[in-house]
Amino acid sequence: MPIYSRLGVPEIWCYDSGKLTIYLLQEGEYVEQAKSRVFPELPIQELPSLIERHRADGRRAIRRTVRDWARNYF
């Protein structure tokens, strides 16, 4: 992730094997965090199960589902 830190990307979300990890840029290094700084009100722990439930429906369906889910919080 060094290129992202050089660009100053403040937050990175990584989803792998059913786990979502959030990294926040702090003093030039990415540090794993439990909560998003950009979307602090989102219950991100719900995302992995939501994605996995819709995985068989394809990427477009997952994007739509996640977008609809997020809209409920804004």
C-alpha atoms as a PDB file:
ATOM      1  CA  MET A   1       0.000   0.000   0.000  1.00  0.00           C
ATOM      2  CA  PRO A   2       2.957   2.405  -0.127  1.00  0.00           C
ATOM      3  CA  ILE A   3       1.708   4.053  -3.307  1.00  0.00           C
ATOM      4  CA  TYR A   4      -1.581   4.942  -1.615  1.00  0.00           C
ATOM      5  CA  SER A   5       0.208   6.487   1.344  1.00  0.00           C
ATOM      6  CA  ARG A   6       2.385   8.564  -1.002  1.00  0.00           C
ATOM      7  CA  LEU A   7      -0.794   9.786  -2.692  1.00  0.00           C
ATOM      8  CA  GLY A   8      -2.306  10.580   0.700  1.00  0.00           C
ATOM      9  CA  VAL A   9      -5.295   8.232   0.411  1.00  0.00           C
ATOM     10  CA  PRO A  10      -6.735   8.565   3.923  1.00  0.00           C
ATOM     11  CA  GLU A  11      -8.600   5.271   4.156  1.00  0.00           C
ATOM     12  CA  ILE A  12      -8.498   1.889   2.438  1.00  0.00           C
ATOM     13  CA  TRP A  13     -11.068  -0.889   2.736  1.00  0.00           C
ATOM     14  CA  CYS A  14      -9.896  -4.401   1.892  1.00  0.00           C
ATOM     15  CA  TYR A  15     -12.315  -7.285   1.495  1.00  0.00           C
ATOM     16  CA  ASP A  16     -10.850 -10.768   1.299  1.00  0.00           C
ATOM     17  CA  SER A  17     -12.261 -14.202   2.076  1.00  0.00           C
ATOM     18  CA  GLY A  18     -15.321 -12.867   3.863  1.00  0.00           C
ATOM     19  CA  LYS A  19     -13.415 -10.342   5.992  1.00  0.00           C
ATOM     20  CA  LEU A  20     -13.487  -6.570   5.669  1.00  0.00           C
ATOM     21  CA  THR A  21     -10.515  -4.665   7.036  1.00  0.00           C
ATOM     22  CA  ILE A  22     -10.257  -0.903   7.247  1.00  0.00           C
ATOM     23  CA  TYR A  23      -6.885   0.821   7.221  1.00  0.00           C
ATOM     24  CA  LEU A  24      -6.468   4.483   8.139  1.00  0.00           C
ATOM     25  CA  LEU A  25      -3.434   6.510   7.162  1.00  0.00           C
ATOM     26  CA  GLN A  26      -1.619   7.711  10.270  1.00  0.00           C
ATOM     27  CA  GLU A  27       1.786   9.368  10.105  1.00  0.00           C
ATOM     28  CA  GLY A  28       2.486   7.880   6.668  1.00  0.00           C
ATOM     29  CA  GLU A  29       1.528   4.315   7.642  1.00  0.00           C
ATOM     30  CA  TYR A  30      -1.730   2.402   7.366  1.00  0.00           C
ATOM     31  CA  VAL A  31      -3.110   1.207  10.670  1.00  0.00           C
ATOM     32  CA  GLU A  32      -5.964  -1.304  10.939  1.00  0.00           C
ATOM     33  CA  GLN A  33      -9.072   0.183  12.538  1.00  0.00           C
ATOM     34  CA  ALA A  34     -12.482  -1.140  13.542  1.00  0.00           C
ATOM     35  CA  LYS A  35     -14.358   1.909  12.261  1.00  0.00           C
ATOM     36  CA  SER A  36     -14.289   4.055   9.162  1.00  0.00           C
ATOM     37  CA  ARG A  37     -13.299   7.689   9.595  1.00  0.00           C
ATOM     38  CA  VAL A  38     -15.103   8.591   6.355  1.00  0.00           C
ATOM     39  CA  PHE A  39     -18.332   6.710   7.191  1.00  0.00           C
ATOM     40  CA  PRO A  40     -18.303   6.398  11.001  1.00  0.00           C
ATOM     41  CA  GLU A  41     -22.050   5.736  11.249  1.00  0.00           C
ATOM     42  CA  LEU A  42     -21.967   2.675   8.967  1.00  0.00           C
ATOM     43  CA  PRO A  43     -22.086  -0.643  10.818  1.00  0.00           C
ATOM     44  CA  ILE A  44     -19.336  -2.120   8.650  1.00  0.00           C
ATOM     45  CA  GLN A  45     -19.387  -5.438  10.488  1.00  0.00           C
ATOM     46  CA  GLU A  46     -22.615  -6.166   8.553  1.00  0.00           C
ATOM     47  CA  LEU A  47     -20.963  -5.849   5.131  1.00  0.00           C
ATOM     48  CA  PRO A  48     -19.186  -9.226   4.843  1.00  0.00           C
ATOM     49  CA  SER A  49     -22.340 -11.255   5.479  1.00  0.00           C
ATOM     50  CA  LEU A  50     -24.327  -8.994   3.148  1.00  0.00           C
ATOM     51  CA  ILE A  51     -21.774  -9.492   0.373  1.00  0.00           C
ATOM     52  CA  GLU A  52     -21.574 -13.233   0.906  1.00  0.00           C
ATOM     53  CA  ARG A  53     -25.375 -13.635   0.852  1.00  0.00           C
ATOM     54  CA  HIS A  54     -25.476 -12.043  -2.609  1.00  0.00           C
ATOM     55  CA  ARG A  55     -22.226 -13.402  -4.055  1.00  0.00           C
ATOM     56  CA  ALA A  56     -24.017 -15.926  -6.307  1.00  0.00           C
ATOM     57  CA  ASP A  57     -26.085 -13.077  -7.800  1.00  0.00           C
ATOM     58  CA  GLY A  58     -22.995 -11.425  -9.314  1.00  0.00           C
ATOM     59  CA  ARG A  59     -21.050  -8.200  -8.843  1.00  0.00           C
ATOM     60  CA  ARG A  60     -23.758  -5.915 -10.128  1.00  0.00           C
ATOM     61  CA  ALA A  61     -26.251  -7.318  -7.619  1.00  0.00           C
ATOM     62  CA  ILE A  62     -23.707  -6.986  -4.820  1.00  0.00           C
ATOM     63  CA  ARG A  63     -23.021  -3.350  -5.712  1.00  0.00           C
ATOM     64  CA  ARG A  64     -26.747  -2.596  -5.827  1.00  0.00           C
ATOM     65  CA  THR A  65     -27.360  -4.338  -2.502  1.00  0.00           C
ATOM     66  CA  VAL A  66     -24.481  -2.552  -0.769  1.00  0.00           C
ATOM     67  CA  ARG A  67     -25.538   0.801  -2.217  1.00  0.00           C
ATOM     68  CA  ASP A  68     -29.123   0.296  -0.998  1.00  0.00           C
ATOM     69  CA  TRP A  69     -27.871  -0.848   2.409  1.00  0.00           C
ATOM     70  CA  ALA A  70     -25.645   2.234   2.771  1.00  0.00           C
ATOM     71  CA  ARG A  71     -28.436   4.602   1.749  1.00  0.00           C
ATOM     72  CA  ASN A  72     -30.409   3.463   4.808  1.00  0.00           C
ATOM     73  CA  TYR A  73     -27.782   5.158   6.985  1.00  0.00           C
ATOM     74  CA  PHE A  74     -27.668   8.512   5.191  1.00  0.00           C
END
